[in-house]
Amino acid sequence: MSDMPLPNLDAAPRPAVGRRFAWAMVLIMTVLFLLALVAVIWGFARQARILIAKRAAPVTQAAPAAAVLTLAPGARILSVRTEAGKLVLEVGAAGGTEVEIIDLSTGRLTGQVRTAPAGAAP
């Protein structure tokens, strides 16, 4: 016979506190992972619906122009440039040239300089 005592099989061993904490963390992290996975799938489905709706929507007219400039018959734009938030147009016509300055933020004509054709009396 052996000197070793027999184990008591009736008493169930209690898991250590560290093991319970680890299992609780595993369960919490699993739930969080599943929630994140559901959120990603929902996000993809939502974006797909938005994309499909945009493609199926009828093409609407463009917004009205910010500035409307009516040129005289036969006039043409010679040059265009922007400076300090202003649109500067040089317009040539039979009666001479003119420089028109349009504010880009409001679309309003802020300045206009007309010149007479060469050889014309002032």
PDB file of N, CA and C in Angstrom:
ATOM      1  N   MET A   1       0.805  -1.174   0.000  1.00  0.00           N
ATOM      2  CA  MET A   1       0.000   0.000   0.000  1.00  0.00           C
ATOM      3  C   MET A   1       0.852   1.243   0.000  1.00  0.00           C
ATOM      4  N   SER A   2       0.176   2.304  -0.408  1.00  0.00           N
ATOM      5  CA  SER A   2       0.888   3.558  -0.580  1.00  0.00           C
ATOM      6  C   SER A   2       0.609   4.482   0.592  1.00  0.00           C
ATOM      7  N   ASP A   3       1.514   5.378   0.836  1.00  0.00           N
ATOM      8  CA  ASP A   3       1.345   6.351   1.912  1.00  0.00           C
ATOM      9  C   ASP A   3       0.537   7.572   1.482  1.00  0.00           C
ATOM     10  N   MET A   4       0.197   7.670   0.216  1.00  0.00           N
ATOM     11  CA  MET A   4      -0.500   8.860  -0.301  1.00  0.00           C
ATOM     12  C   MET A   4      -1.963   8.806   0.082  1.00  0.00           C
ATOM     13  N   PRO A   5      -2.496   9.960   0.502  1.00  0.00           N
ATOM     14  CA  PRO A   5      -3.926   9.973   0.858  1.00  0.00           C
ATOM     15  C   PRO A   5      -4.780   9.935  -0.393  1.00  0.00           C
ATOM     16  N   LEU A   6      -5.937   9.370  -0.299  1.00  0.00           N
ATOM     17  CA  LEU A   6      -6.866   9.313  -1.423  1.00  0.00           C
ATOM     18  C   LEU A   6      -7.555  10.663  -1.597  1.00  0.00           C
ATOM     19  N   PRO A   7      -7.780  11.074  -2.838  1.00  0.00           N
ATOM     20  CA  PRO A   7      -8.439  12.371  -3.039  1.00  0.00           C
ATOM     21  C   PRO A   7      -9.909  12.285  -2.649  1.00  0.00           C
ATOM     22  N   ASN A   8     -10.433  13.391  -2.153  1.00  0.00           N
ATOM     23  CA  ASN A   8     -11.831  13.473  -1.796  1.00  0.00           C
ATOM     24  C   ASN A   8     -12.605  13.841  -3.051  1.00  0.00           C
ATOM     25  N   LEU A   9     -13.294  12.906  -3.663  1.00  0.00           N
ATOM     26  CA  LEU A   9     -14.001  13.129  -4.913  1.00  0.00           C
ATOM     27  C   LEU A   9     -15.347  13.803  -4.707  1.00  0.00           C
ATOM     28  N   ASP A  10     -15.842  13.868  -3.506  1.00  0.00           N
ATOM     29  CA  ASP A  10     -17.133  14.503  -3.250  1.00  0.00           C
ATOM     30  C   ASP A  10     -17.039  16.033  -3.276  1.00  0.00           C
ATOM     31  N   ALA A  11     -15.950  16.594  -2.888  1.00  0.00           N
ATOM     32  CA  ALA A  11     -15.792  18.046  -2.852  1.00  0.00           C
ATOM     33  C   ALA A  11     -15.325  18.525  -4.220  1.00  0.00           C
ATOM     34  N   ALA A  12     -16.147  19.373  -4.852  1.00  0.00           N
ATOM     35  CA  ALA A  12     -15.789  19.914  -6.173  1.00  0.00           C
ATOM     36  C   ALA A  12     -14.811  21.062  -5.975  1.00  0.00           C
ATOM     37  N   PRO A  13     -13.764  21.082  -6.760  1.00  0.00           N
ATOM     38  CA  PRO A  13     -12.814  22.178  -6.606  1.00  0.00           C
ATOM     39  C   PRO A  13     -13.419  23.485  -7.156  1.00  0.00           C
ATOM     40  N   ARG A  14     -13.206  24.567  -6.449  1.00  0.00           N
ATOM     41  CA  ARG A  14     -13.726  25.865  -6.886  1.00  0.00           C
ATOM     42  C   ARG A  14     -12.683  26.501  -7.808  1.00  0.00           C
ATOM     43  N   PRO A  15     -13.145  27.033  -8.922  1.00  0.00           N
ATOM     44  CA  PRO A  15     -12.179  27.680  -9.811  1.00  0.00           C
ATOM     45  C   PRO A  15     -11.615  28.930  -9.145  1.00  0.00           C
ATOM     46  N   ALA A  16     -10.449  29.228  -9.490  1.00  0.00           N
ATOM     47  CA  ALA A  16      -9.777  30.389  -8.916  1.00  0.00           C
ATOM     48  C   ALA A  16     -10.443  31.659  -9.431  1.00  0.00           C
ATOM     49  N   VAL A  17     -10.293  32.740  -8.685  1.00  0.00           N
ATOM     50  CA  VAL A  17     -10.883  34.027  -9.057  1.00  0.00           C
ATOM     51  C   VAL A  17     -10.314  34.500 -10.389  1.00  0.00           C
ATOM     52  N   GLY A  18      -9.056  34.290 -10.626  1.00  0.00           N
ATOM     53  CA  GLY A  18      -8.412  34.696 -11.881  1.00  0.00           C
ATOM     54  C   GLY A  18      -9.022  33.996 -13.076  1.00  0.00           C
ATOM     55  N   ARG A  19      -9.373  32.727 -12.905  1.00  0.00           N
ATOM     56  CA  ARG A  19      -9.975  31.982 -14.015  1.00  0.00           C
ATOM     57  C   ARG A  19     -11.365  32.524 -14.318  1.00  0.00           C
ATOM     58  N   ARG A  20     -12.137  32.848 -13.301  1.00  0.00           N
ATOM     59  CA  ARG A  20     -13.476  33.415 -13.518  1.00  0.00           C
ATOM     60  C   ARG A  20     -13.369  34.765 -14.229  1.00  0.00           C
ATOM     61  N   PHE A  21     -12.426  35.577 -13.793  1.00  0.00           N
ATOM     62  CA  PHE A  21     -12.241  36.879 -14.427  1.00  0.00           C
ATOM     63  C   PHE A  21     -11.862  36.716 -15.898  1.00  0.00           C
ATOM     64  N   ALA A  22     -10.994  35.776 -16.202  1.00  0.00           N
ATOM     65  CA  ALA A  22     -10.574  35.534 -17.583  1.00  0.00           C
ATOM     66  C   ALA A  22     -11.766  35.107 -18.435  1.00  0.00           C
ATOM     67  N   TRP A  23     -12.601  34.208 -17.901  1.00  0.00           N
ATOM     68  CA  TRP A  23     -13.786  33.773 -18.661  1.00  0.00           C
ATOM     69  C   TRP A  23     -14.760  34.930 -18.872  1.00  0.00           C
ATOM     70  N   ALA A  24     -14.910  35.751 -17.858  1.00  0.00           N
ATOM     71  CA  ALA A  24     -15.795  36.906 -18.010  1.00  0.00           C
ATOM     72  C   ALA A  24     -15.267  37.847 -19.091  1.00  0.00           C
ATOM     73  N   MET A  25     -13.968  38.071 -19.124  1.00  0.00           N
ATOM     74  CA  MET A  25     -13.380  38.932 -20.153  1.00  0.00           C
ATOM     75  C   MET A  25     -13.542  38.318 -21.538  1.00  0.00           C
ATOM     76  N   VAL A  26     -13.376  37.034 -21.670  1.00  0.00           N
ATOM     77  CA  VAL A  26     -13.556  36.362 -22.965  1.00  0.00           C
ATOM     78  C   VAL A  26     -14.990  36.537 -23.448  1.00  0.00           C
ATOM     79  N   LEU A  27     -15.958  36.364 -22.549  1.00  0.00           N
ATOM     80  CA  LEU A  27     -17.360  36.517 -22.944  1.00  0.00           C
ATOM     81  C   LEU A  27     -17.676  37.961 -23.335  1.00  0.00           C
ATOM     82  N   ILE A  28     -17.186  38.914 -22.557  1.00  0.00           N
ATOM     83  CA  ILE A  28     -17.426  40.329 -22.871  1.00  0.00           C
ATOM     84  C   ILE A  28     -16.797  40.699 -24.214  1.00  0.00           C
ATOM     85  N   MET A  29     -15.568  40.287 -24.442  1.00  0.00           N
ATOM     86  CA  MET A  29     -14.891  40.609 -25.696  1.00  0.00           C
ATOM     87  C   MET A  29     -15.575  39.936 -26.887  1.00  0.00           C
ATOM     88  N   THR A  30     -16.099  38.735 -26.694  1.00  0.00           N
ATOM     89  CA  THR A  30     -16.816  38.059 -27.771  1.00  0.00           C
ATOM     90  C   THR A  30     -18.079  38.821 -28.137  1.00  0.00           C
ATOM     91  N   VAL A  31     -18.813  39.264 -27.130  1.00  0.00           N
ATOM     92  CA  VAL A  31     -20.030  40.040 -27.388  1.00  0.00           C
ATOM     93  C   VAL A  31     -19.689  41.336 -28.107  1.00  0.00           C
ATOM     94  N   LEU A  32     -18.652  42.030 -27.656  1.00  0.00           N
ATOM     95  CA  LEU A  32     -18.244  43.272 -28.312  1.00  0.00           C
ATOM     96  C   LEU A  32     -17.812  43.032 -29.759  1.00  0.00           C
ATOM     97  N   PHE A  33     -17.091  41.951 -29.994  1.00  0.00           N
ATOM     98  CA  PHE A  33     -16.671  41.611 -31.357  1.00  0.00           C
ATOM     99  C   PHE A  33     -17.870  41.347 -32.254  1.00  0.00           C
ATOM    100  N   LEU A  34     -18.852  40.612 -31.737  1.00  0.00           N
ATOM    101  CA  LEU A  34     -20.044  40.323 -32.536  1.00  0.00           C
ATOM    102  C   LEU A  34     -20.838  41.597 -32.817  1.00  0.00           C
ATOM    103  N   LEU A  35     -20.932  42.491 -31.832  1.00  0.00           N
ATOM    104  CA  LEU A  35     -21.613  43.767 -32.059  1.00  0.00           C
ATOM    105  C   LEU A  35     -20.892  44.606 -33.120  1.00  0.00           C
ATOM    106  N   ALA A  36     -19.572  44.625 -33.084  1.00  0.00           N
ATOM    107  CA  ALA A  36     -18.802  45.369 -34.084  1.00  0.00           C
ATOM    108  C   ALA A  36     -18.991  44.771 -35.470  1.00  0.00           C
ATOM    109  N   LEU A  37     -19.027  43.459 -35.561  1.00  0.00           N
ATOM    110  CA  LEU A  37     -19.240  42.792 -36.845  1.00  0.00           C
ATOM    111  C   LEU A  37     -20.613  43.132 -37.411  1.00  0.00           C
ATOM    112  N   VAL A  38     -21.624  43.121 -36.573  1.00  0.00           N
ATOM    113  CA  VAL A  38     -22.972  43.494 -37.014  1.00  0.00           C
ATOM    114  C   VAL A  38     -22.997  44.948 -37.471  1.00  0.00           C
ATOM    115  N   ALA A  39     -22.306  45.838 -36.758  1.00  0.00           N
ATOM    116  CA  ALA A  39     -22.272  47.256 -37.134  1.00  0.00           C
ATOM    117  C   ALA A  39     -21.588  47.455 -38.484  1.00  0.00           C
ATOM    118  N   VAL A  40     -20.519  46.726 -38.749  1.00  0.00           N
ATOM    119  CA  VAL A  40     -19.824  46.845 -40.033  1.00  0.00           C
ATOM    120  C   VAL A  40     -20.718  46.361 -41.161  1.00  0.00           C
ATOM    121  N   ILE A  41     -21.385  45.251 -40.968  1.00  0.00           N
ATOM    122  CA  ILE A  41     -22.289  44.735 -42.011  1.00  0.00           C
ATOM    123  C   ILE A  41     -23.433  45.712 -42.247  1.00  0.00           C
ATOM    124  N   TRP A  42     -23.989  46.272 -41.177  1.00  0.00           N
ATOM    125  CA  TRP A  42     -25.056  47.261 -41.317  1.00  0.00           C
ATOM    126  C   TRP A  42     -24.552  48.505 -42.066  1.00  0.00           C
ATOM    127  N   GLY A  43     -23.335  48.946 -41.771  1.00  0.00           N
ATOM    128  CA  GLY A  43     -22.759  50.106 -42.446  1.00  0.00           C
ATOM    129  C   GLY A  43     -22.570  49.872 -43.934  1.00  0.00           C
ATOM    130  N   PHE A  44     -22.080  48.692 -44.303  1.00  0.00           N
ATOM    131  CA  PHE A  44     -21.926  48.371 -45.723  1.00  0.00           C
ATOM    132  C   PHE A  44     -23.280  48.359 -46.428  1.00  0.00           C
ATOM    133  N   ALA A  45     -24.282  47.773 -45.800  1.00  0.00           N
ATOM    134  CA  ALA A  45     -25.612  47.727 -46.406  1.00  0.00           C
ATOM    135  C   ALA A  45     -26.184  49.138 -46.559  1.00  0.00           C
ATOM    136  N   ARG A  46     -25.979  49.980 -45.559  1.00  0.00           N
ATOM    137  CA  ARG A  46     -26.482  51.360 -45.618  1.00  0.00           C
ATOM    138  C   ARG A  46     -25.809  52.130 -46.739  1.00  0.00           C
ATOM    139  N   GLN A  47     -24.494  52.024 -46.852  1.00  0.00           N
ATOM    140  CA  GLN A  47     -23.783  52.725 -47.916  1.00  0.00           C
ATOM    141  C   GLN A  47     -24.202  52.214 -49.291  1.00  0.00           C
ATOM    142  N   ALA A  48     -24.448  50.926 -49.404  1.00  0.00           N
ATOM    143  CA  ALA A  48     -24.895  50.371 -50.681  1.00  0.00           C
ATOM    144  C   ALA A  48     -26.258  50.943 -51.054  1.00  0.00           C
ATOM    145  N   ARG A  49     -27.170  51.058 -50.083  1.00  0.00           N
ATOM    146  CA  ARG A  49     -28.486  51.642 -50.365  1.00  0.00           C
ATOM    147  C   ARG A  49     -28.362  53.093 -50.808  1.00  0.00           C
ATOM    148  N   ILE A  50     -27.477  53.857 -50.159  1.00  0.00           N
ATOM    149  CA  ILE A  50     -27.279  55.256 -50.529  1.00  0.00           C
ATOM    150  C   ILE A  50     -26.717  55.354 -51.947  1.00  0.00           C
ATOM    151  N   LEU A  51     -25.750  54.521 -52.279  1.00  0.00           N
ATOM    152  CA  LEU A  51     -25.146  54.537 -53.610  1.00  0.00           C
ATOM    153  C   LEU A  51     -26.163  54.164 -54.676  1.00  0.00           C
ATOM    154  N   ILE A  52     -26.968  53.160 -54.413  1.00  0.00           N
ATOM    155  CA  ILE A  52     -27.992  52.751 -55.377  1.00  0.00           C
ATOM    156  C   ILE A  52     -29.022  53.855 -55.555  1.00  0.00           C
ATOM    157  N   ALA A  53     -29.402  54.518 -54.479  1.00  0.00           N
ATOM    158  CA  ALA A  53     -30.377  55.601 -54.571  1.00  0.00           C
ATOM    159  C   ALA A  53     -29.829  56.773 -55.378  1.00  0.00           C
ATOM    160  N   LYS A  54     -28.535  57.085 -55.219  1.00  0.00           N
ATOM    161  CA  LYS A  54     -27.935  58.170 -55.988  1.00  0.00           C
ATOM    162  C   LYS A  54     -27.898  57.838 -57.470  1.00  0.00           C
ATOM    163  N   ARG A  55     -27.576  56.610 -57.799  1.00  0.00           N
ATOM    164  CA  ARG A  55     -27.510  56.219 -59.207  1.00  0.00           C
ATOM    165  C   ARG A  55     -28.890  56.162 -59.839  1.00  0.00           C
ATOM    166  N   ALA A  56     -29.901  55.846 -59.061  1.00  0.00           N
ATOM    167  CA  ALA A  56     -31.252  55.727 -59.607  1.00  0.00           C
ATOM    168  C   ALA A  56     -31.970  57.069 -59.658  1.00  0.00           C
ATOM    169  N   ALA A  57     -31.467  58.064 -58.929  1.00  0.00           N
ATOM    170  CA  ALA A  57     -32.133  59.375 -58.883  1.00  0.00           C
ATOM    171  C   ALA A  57     -32.011  60.057 -60.235  1.00  0.00           C
ATOM    172  N   PRO A  58     -33.064  60.740 -60.655  1.00  0.00           N
ATOM    173  CA  PRO A  58     -32.991  61.435 -61.936  1.00  0.00           C
ATOM    174  C   PRO A  58     -32.016  62.608 -61.848  1.00  0.00           C
ATOM    175  N   VAL A  59     -31.428  62.936 -62.972  1.00  0.00           N
ATOM    176  CA  VAL A  59     -30.469  64.031 -63.017  1.00  0.00           C
ATOM    177  C   VAL A  59     -31.250  65.340 -62.925  1.00  0.00           C
ATOM    178  N   THR A  60     -30.883  66.153 -61.964  1.00  0.00           N
ATOM    179  CA  THR A  60     -31.562  67.431 -61.788  1.00  0.00           C
ATOM    180  C   THR A  60     -30.782  68.531 -62.488  1.00  0.00           C
ATOM    181  N   GLN A  61     -31.426  69.647 -62.686  1.00  0.00           N
ATOM    182  CA  GLN A  61     -30.766  70.765 -63.331  1.00  0.00           C
ATOM    183  C   GLN A  61     -29.728  71.350 -62.392  1.00  0.00           C
ATOM    184  N   ALA A  62     -28.730  71.959 -62.982  1.00  0.00           N
ATOM    185  CA  ALA A  62     -27.677  72.576 -62.192  1.00  0.00           C
ATOM    186  C   ALA A  62     -28.234  73.810 -61.481  1.00  0.00           C
ATOM    187  N   ALA A  63     -27.563  74.193 -60.446  1.00  0.00           N
ATOM    188  CA  ALA A  63     -27.969  75.383 -59.697  1.00  0.00           C
ATOM    189  C   ALA A  63     -27.851  76.610 -60.598  1.00  0.00           C
ATOM    190  N   PRO A  64     -28.657  77.618 -60.357  1.00  0.00           N
ATOM    191  CA  PRO A  64     -28.567  78.809 -61.196  1.00  0.00           C
ATOM    192  C   PRO A  64     -27.192  79.450 -61.082  1.00  0.00           C
ATOM    193  N   ALA A  65     -26.795  80.124 -62.137  1.00  0.00           N
ATOM    194  CA  ALA A  65     -25.483  80.750 -62.178  1.00  0.00           C
ATOM    195  C   ALA A  65     -25.389  81.836 -61.110  1.00  0.00           C
ATOM    196  N   ALA A  66     -24.210  81.976 -60.537  1.00  0.00           N
ATOM    197  CA  ALA A  66     -24.006  82.989 -59.511  1.00  0.00           C
ATOM    198  C   ALA A  66     -23.995  84.383 -60.115  1.00  0.00           C
ATOM    199  N   ALA A  67     -23.518  84.494 -61.350  1.00  0.00           N
ATOM    200  CA  ALA A  67     -23.475  85.793 -62.019  1.00  0.00           C
ATOM    201  C   ALA A  67     -23.915  85.608 -63.466  1.00  0.00           C
ATOM    202  N   VAL A  68     -24.687  86.553 -63.956  1.00  0.00           N
ATOM    203  CA  VAL A  68     -25.139  86.521 -65.352  1.00  0.00           C
ATOM    204  C   VAL A  68     -24.616  87.780 -66.016  1.00  0.00           C
ATOM    205  N   LEU A  69     -23.890  87.602 -67.079  1.00  0.00           N
ATOM    206  CA  LEU A  69     -23.322  88.722 -67.821  1.00  0.00           C
ATOM    207  C   LEU A  69     -23.837  88.644 -69.249  1.00  0.00           C
ATOM    208  N   THR A  70     -24.530  89.665 -69.678  1.00  0.00           N
ATOM    209  CA  THR A  70     -25.070  89.701 -71.030  1.00  0.00           C
ATOM    210  C   THR A  70     -24.146  90.545 -71.895  1.00  0.00           C
ATOM    211  N   LEU A  71     -23.631  89.934 -72.969  1.00  0.00           N
ATOM    212  CA  LEU A  71     -22.739  90.640 -73.869  1.00  0.00           C
ATOM    213  C   LEU A  71     -23.528  91.260 -75.009  1.00  0.00           C
ATOM    214  N   ALA A  72     -23.022  92.373 -75.497  1.00  0.00           N
ATOM    215  CA  ALA A  72     -23.646  93.028 -76.650  1.00  0.00           C
ATOM    216  C   ALA A  72     -23.457  92.146 -77.880  1.00  0.00           C
ATOM    217  N   PRO A  73     -24.338  92.284 -78.890  1.00  0.00           N
ATOM    218  CA  PRO A  73     -24.168  91.492 -80.108  1.00  0.00           C
ATOM    219  C   PRO A  73     -22.805  91.758 -80.748  1.00  0.00           C
ATOM    220  N   GLY A  74     -22.101  90.697 -81.072  1.00  0.00           N
ATOM    221  CA  GLY A  74     -20.782  90.807 -81.687  1.00  0.00           C
ATOM    222  C   GLY A  74     -19.648  90.915 -80.689  1.00  0.00           C
ATOM    223  N   ALA A  75     -19.945  91.050 -79.423  1.00  0.00           N
ATOM    224  CA  ALA A  75     -18.896  91.151 -78.404  1.00  0.00           C
ATOM    225  C   ALA A  75     -18.359  89.768 -78.080  1.00  0.00           C
ATOM    226  N   ARG A  76     -17.096  89.732 -77.658  1.00  0.00           N
ATOM    227  CA  ARG A  76     -16.500  88.454 -77.285  1.00  0.00           C
ATOM    228  C   ARG A  76     -15.552  88.673 -76.125  1.00  0.00           C
ATOM    229  N   ILE A  77     -15.368  87.634 -75.344  1.00  0.00           N
ATOM    230  CA  ILE A  77     -14.475  87.707 -74.191  1.00  0.00           C
ATOM    231  C   ILE A  77     -13.052  87.493 -74.682  1.00  0.00           C
ATOM    232  N   LEU A  78     -12.191  88.468 -74.419  1.00  0.00           N
ATOM    233  CA  LEU A  78     -10.798  88.398 -74.866  1.00  0.00           C
ATOM    234  C   LEU A  78      -9.907  87.699 -73.842  1.00  0.00           C
ATOM    235  N   SER A  79     -10.127  87.964 -72.557  1.00  0.00           N
ATOM    236  CA  SER A  79      -9.320  87.305 -71.525  1.00  0.00           C
ATOM    237  C   SER A  79     -10.117  87.211 -70.234  1.00  0.00           C
ATOM    238  N   VAL A  80      -9.743  86.228 -69.445  1.00  0.00           N
ATOM    239  CA  VAL A  80     -10.375  85.993 -68.151  1.00  0.00           C
ATOM    240  C   VAL A  80      -9.265  85.696 -67.148  1.00  0.00           C
ATOM    241  N   ARG A  81      -9.344  86.308 -65.960  1.00  0.00           N
ATOM    242  CA  ARG A  81      -8.391  85.988 -64.891  1.00  0.00           C
ATOM    243  C   ARG A  81      -9.057  86.261 -63.545  1.00  0.00           C
ATOM    244  N   THR A  82      -8.511  85.674 -62.510  1.00  0.00           N
ATOM    245  CA  THR A  82      -9.022  85.908 -61.159  1.00  0.00           C
ATOM    246  C   THR A  82      -7.924  86.549 -60.336  1.00  0.00           C
ATOM    247  N   GLU A  83      -8.327  87.526 -59.552  1.00  0.00           N
ATOM    248  CA  GLU A  83      -7.398  88.214 -58.662  1.00  0.00           C
ATOM    249  C   GLU A  83      -8.126  88.590 -57.390  1.00  0.00           C
ATOM    250  N   ALA A  84      -7.634  88.166 -56.257  1.00  0.00           N
ATOM    251  CA  ALA A  84      -8.149  88.542 -54.934  1.00  0.00           C
ATOM    252  C   ALA A  84      -9.659  88.365 -54.820  1.00  0.00           C
ATOM    253  N   GLY A  85     -10.155  87.219 -55.236  1.00  0.00           N
ATOM    254  CA  GLY A  85     -11.585  86.939 -55.107  1.00  0.00           C
ATOM    255  C   GLY A  85     -12.453  87.646 -56.130  1.00  0.00           C
ATOM    256  N   LYS A  86     -11.836  88.172 -57.170  1.00  0.00           N
ATOM    257  CA  LYS A  86     -12.567  88.863 -58.228  1.00  0.00           C
ATOM    258  C   LYS A  86     -12.310  88.171 -59.554  1.00  0.00           C
ATOM    259  N   LEU A  87     -13.326  88.172 -60.408  1.00  0.00           N
ATOM    260  CA  LEU A  87     -13.206  87.658 -61.771  1.00  0.00           C
ATOM    261  C   LEU A  87     -13.073  88.866 -62.679  1.00  0.00           C
ATOM    262  N   VAL A  88     -11.980  88.933 -63.430  1.00  0.00           N
ATOM    263  CA  VAL A  88     -11.712  90.075 -64.304  1.00  0.00           C
ATOM    264  C   VAL A  88     -11.866  89.605 -65.744  1.00  0.00           C
ATOM    265  N   LEU A  89     -12.836  90.193 -66.451  1.00  0.00           N
ATOM    266  CA  LEU A  89     -13.107  89.842 -67.848  1.00  0.00           C
ATOM    267  C   LEU A  89     -12.737  91.011 -68.734  1.00  0.00           C
ATOM    268  N   GLU A  90     -12.034  90.733 -69.802  1.00  0.00           N
ATOM    269  CA  GLU A  90     -11.788  91.747 -70.819  1.00  0.00           C
ATOM    270  C   GLU A  90     -12.662  91.383 -72.011  1.00  0.00           C
ATOM    271  N   VAL A  91     -13.592  92.278 -72.334  1.00  0.00           N
ATOM    272  CA  VAL A  91     -14.578  92.018 -73.384  1.00  0.00           C
ATOM    273  C   VAL A  91     -14.306  92.977 -74.533  1.00  0.00           C
ATOM    274  N   GLY A  92     -14.199  92.415 -75.729  1.00  0.00           N
ATOM    275  CA  GLY A  92     -13.978  93.239 -76.916  1.00  0.00           C
ATOM    276  C   GLY A  92     -15.234  93.317 -77.753  1.00  0.00           C
ATOM    277  N   ALA A  93     -15.523  94.529 -78.256  1.00  0.00           N
ATOM    278  CA  ALA A  93     -16.679  94.742 -79.117  1.00  0.00           C
ATOM    279  C   ALA A  93     -16.299  95.773 -80.170  1.00  0.00           C
ATOM    280  N   ALA A  94     -17.201  96.023 -81.114  1.00  0.00           N
ATOM    281  CA  ALA A  94     -16.934  96.992 -82.172  1.00  0.00           C
ATOM    282  C   ALA A  94     -16.763  98.387 -81.601  1.00  0.00           C
ATOM    283  N   GLY A  95     -17.427  98.724 -80.511  1.00  0.00           N
ATOM    284  CA  GLY A  95     -17.346 100.039 -79.903  1.00  0.00           C
ATOM    285  C   GLY A  95     -16.156 100.215 -78.979  1.00  0.00           C
ATOM    286  N   GLY A  96     -15.266  99.269 -78.868  1.00  0.00           N
ATOM    287  CA  GLY A  96     -14.095  99.347 -77.991  1.00  0.00           C
ATOM    288  C   GLY A  96     -14.049  98.144 -77.071  1.00  0.00           C
ATOM    289  N   THR A  97     -13.174  98.210 -76.109  1.00  0.00           N
ATOM    290  CA  THR A  97     -13.053  97.119 -75.140  1.00  0.00           C
ATOM    291  C   THR A  97     -13.518  97.613 -73.780  1.00  0.00           C
ATOM    292  N   GLU A  98     -13.861  96.675 -72.958  1.00  0.00           N
ATOM    293  CA  GLU A  98     -14.213  97.012 -71.586  1.00  0.00           C
ATOM    294  C   GLU A  98     -13.718  95.926 -70.663  1.00  0.00           C
ATOM    295  N   VAL A  99     -13.390  96.333 -69.459  1.00  0.00           N
ATOM    296  CA  VAL A  99     -12.960  95.405 -68.413  1.00  0.00           C
ATOM    297  C   VAL A  99     -14.069  95.372 -67.380  1.00  0.00           C
ATOM    298  N   GLU A 100     -14.545  94.177 -67.082  1.00  0.00           N
ATOM    299  CA  GLU A 100     -15.615  94.011 -66.099  1.00  0.00           C
ATOM    300  C   GLU A 100     -15.076  93.190 -64.939  1.00  0.00           C
ATOM    301  N   ILE A 101     -15.364  93.660 -63.738  1.00  0.00           N
ATOM    302  CA  ILE A 101     -14.878  93.000 -62.525  1.00  0.00           C
ATOM    303  C   ILE A 101     -16.084  92.477 -61.749  1.00  0.00           C
ATOM    304  N   ILE A 102     -16.083  91.171 -61.481  1.00  0.00           N
ATOM    305  CA  ILE A 102     -17.196  90.510 -60.790  1.00  0.00           C
ATOM    306  C   ILE A 102     -16.668  89.912 -59.491  1.00  0.00           C
ATOM    307  N   ASP A 103     -17.355  90.191 -58.394  1.00  0.00           N
ATOM    308  CA  ASP A 103     -16.998  89.620 -57.100  1.00  0.00           C
ATOM    309  C   ASP A 103     -17.422  88.153 -57.084  1.00  0.00           C
ATOM    310  N   LEU A 104     -16.472  87.245 -56.834  1.00  0.00           N
ATOM    311  CA  LEU A 104     -16.773  85.812 -56.878  1.00  0.00           C
ATOM    312  C   LEU A 104     -17.633  85.353 -55.711  1.00  0.00           C
ATOM    313  N   SER A 105     -17.590  86.032 -54.583  1.00  0.00           N
ATOM    314  CA  SER A 105     -18.381  85.590 -53.433  1.00  0.00           C
ATOM    315  C   SER A 105     -19.853  85.948 -53.582  1.00  0.00           C
ATOM    316  N   THR A 106     -20.155  87.053 -54.249  1.00  0.00           N
ATOM    317  CA  THR A 106     -21.558  87.473 -54.401  1.00  0.00           C
ATOM    318  C   THR A 106     -22.076  87.304 -55.817  1.00  0.00           C
ATOM    319  N   GLY A 107     -21.189  87.286 -56.811  1.00  0.00           N
ATOM    320  CA  GLY A 107     -21.618  87.179 -58.199  1.00  0.00           C
ATOM    321  C   GLY A 107     -22.071  88.514 -58.778  1.00  0.00           C
ATOM    322  N   ARG A 108     -21.785  89.604 -58.104  1.00  0.00           N
ATOM    323  CA  ARG A 108     -22.212  90.936 -58.565  1.00  0.00           C
ATOM    324  C   ARG A 108     -21.092  91.642 -59.307  1.00  0.00           C
ATOM    325  N   LEU A 109     -21.505  92.456 -60.257  1.00  0.00           N
ATOM    326  CA  LEU A 109     -20.574  93.286 -60.999  1.00  0.00           C
ATOM    327  C   LEU A 109     -20.133  94.426 -60.079  1.00  0.00           C
ATOM    328  N   THR A 110     -18.831  94.500 -59.783  1.00  0.00           N
ATOM    329  CA  THR A 110     -18.342  95.519 -58.856  1.00  0.00           C
ATOM    330  C   THR A 110     -17.620  96.649 -59.568  1.00  0.00           C
ATOM    331  N   GLY A 111     -17.197  96.442 -60.782  1.00  0.00           N
ATOM    332  CA  GLY A 111     -16.505  97.503 -61.506  1.00  0.00           C
ATOM    333  C   GLY A 111     -16.560  97.263 -62.992  1.00  0.00           C
ATOM    334  N   GLN A 112     -16.491  98.400 -63.746  1.00  0.00           N
ATOM    335  CA  GLN A 112     -16.544  98.296 -65.195  1.00  0.00           C
ATOM    336  C   GLN A 112     -15.769  99.481 -65.764  1.00  0.00           C
ATOM    337  N   VAL A 113     -14.825  99.192 -66.655  1.00  0.00           N
ATOM    338  CA  VAL A 113     -14.032 100.231 -67.298  1.00  0.00           C
ATOM    339  C   VAL A 113     -14.185 100.051 -68.796  1.00  0.00           C
ATOM    340  N   ARG A 114     -14.656 101.139 -69.481  1.00  0.00           N
ATOM    341  CA  ARG A 114     -14.838 101.079 -70.937  1.00  0.00           C
ATOM    342  C   ARG A 114     -13.778 101.937 -71.608  1.00  0.00           C
ATOM    343  N   THR A 115     -13.279 101.453 -72.728  1.00  0.00           N
ATOM    344  CA  THR A 115     -12.330 102.212 -73.525  1.00  0.00           C
ATOM    345  C   THR A 115     -12.894 102.363 -74.922  1.00  0.00           C
ATOM    346  N   ALA A 116     -12.589 103.471 -75.546  1.00  0.00           N
ATOM    347  CA  ALA A 116     -13.042 103.725 -76.921  1.00  0.00           C
ATOM    348  C   ALA A 116     -12.060 103.091 -77.886  1.00  0.00           C
ATOM    349  N   PRO A 117     -12.515 102.759 -79.110  1.00  0.00           N
ATOM    350  CA  PRO A 117     -11.594 102.194 -80.086  1.00  0.00           C
ATOM    351  C   PRO A 117     -10.517 103.213 -80.470  1.00  0.00           C
ATOM    352  N   ALA A 118      -9.385 102.717 -80.926  1.00  0.00           N
ATOM    353  CA  ALA A 118      -8.275 103.579 -81.298  1.00  0.00           C
ATOM    354  C   ALA A 118      -8.718 104.517 -82.434  1.00  0.00           C
ATOM    355  N   GLY A 119      -8.368 105.795 -82.332  1.00  0.00           N
ATOM    356  CA  GLY A 119      -8.706 106.778 -83.344  1.00  0.00           C
ATOM    357  C   GLY A 119     -10.043 107.446 -83.150  1.00  0.00           C
ATOM    358  N   ALA A 120     -10.807 107.051 -82.142  1.00  0.00           N
ATOM    359  CA  ALA A 120     -12.123 107.670 -81.895  1.00  0.00           C
ATOM    360  C   ALA A 120     -11.940 108.904 -81.053  1.00  0.00           C
ATOM    361  N   ALA A 121     -12.797 109.871 -81.247  1.00  0.00           N
ATOM    362  CA  ALA A 121     -12.731 111.110 -80.479  1.00  0.00           C
ATOM    363  C   ALA A 121     -13.297 110.893 -79.103  1.00  0.00           C
ATOM    364  N   PRO A 122     -12.678 111.506 -78.060  1.00  0.00           N
ATOM    365  CA  PRO A 122     -13.183 111.299 -76.693  1.00  0.00           C
ATOM    366  C   PRO A 122     -14.467 112.007 -76.440  1.00  0.00           C
TER     367      PRO A 122
END
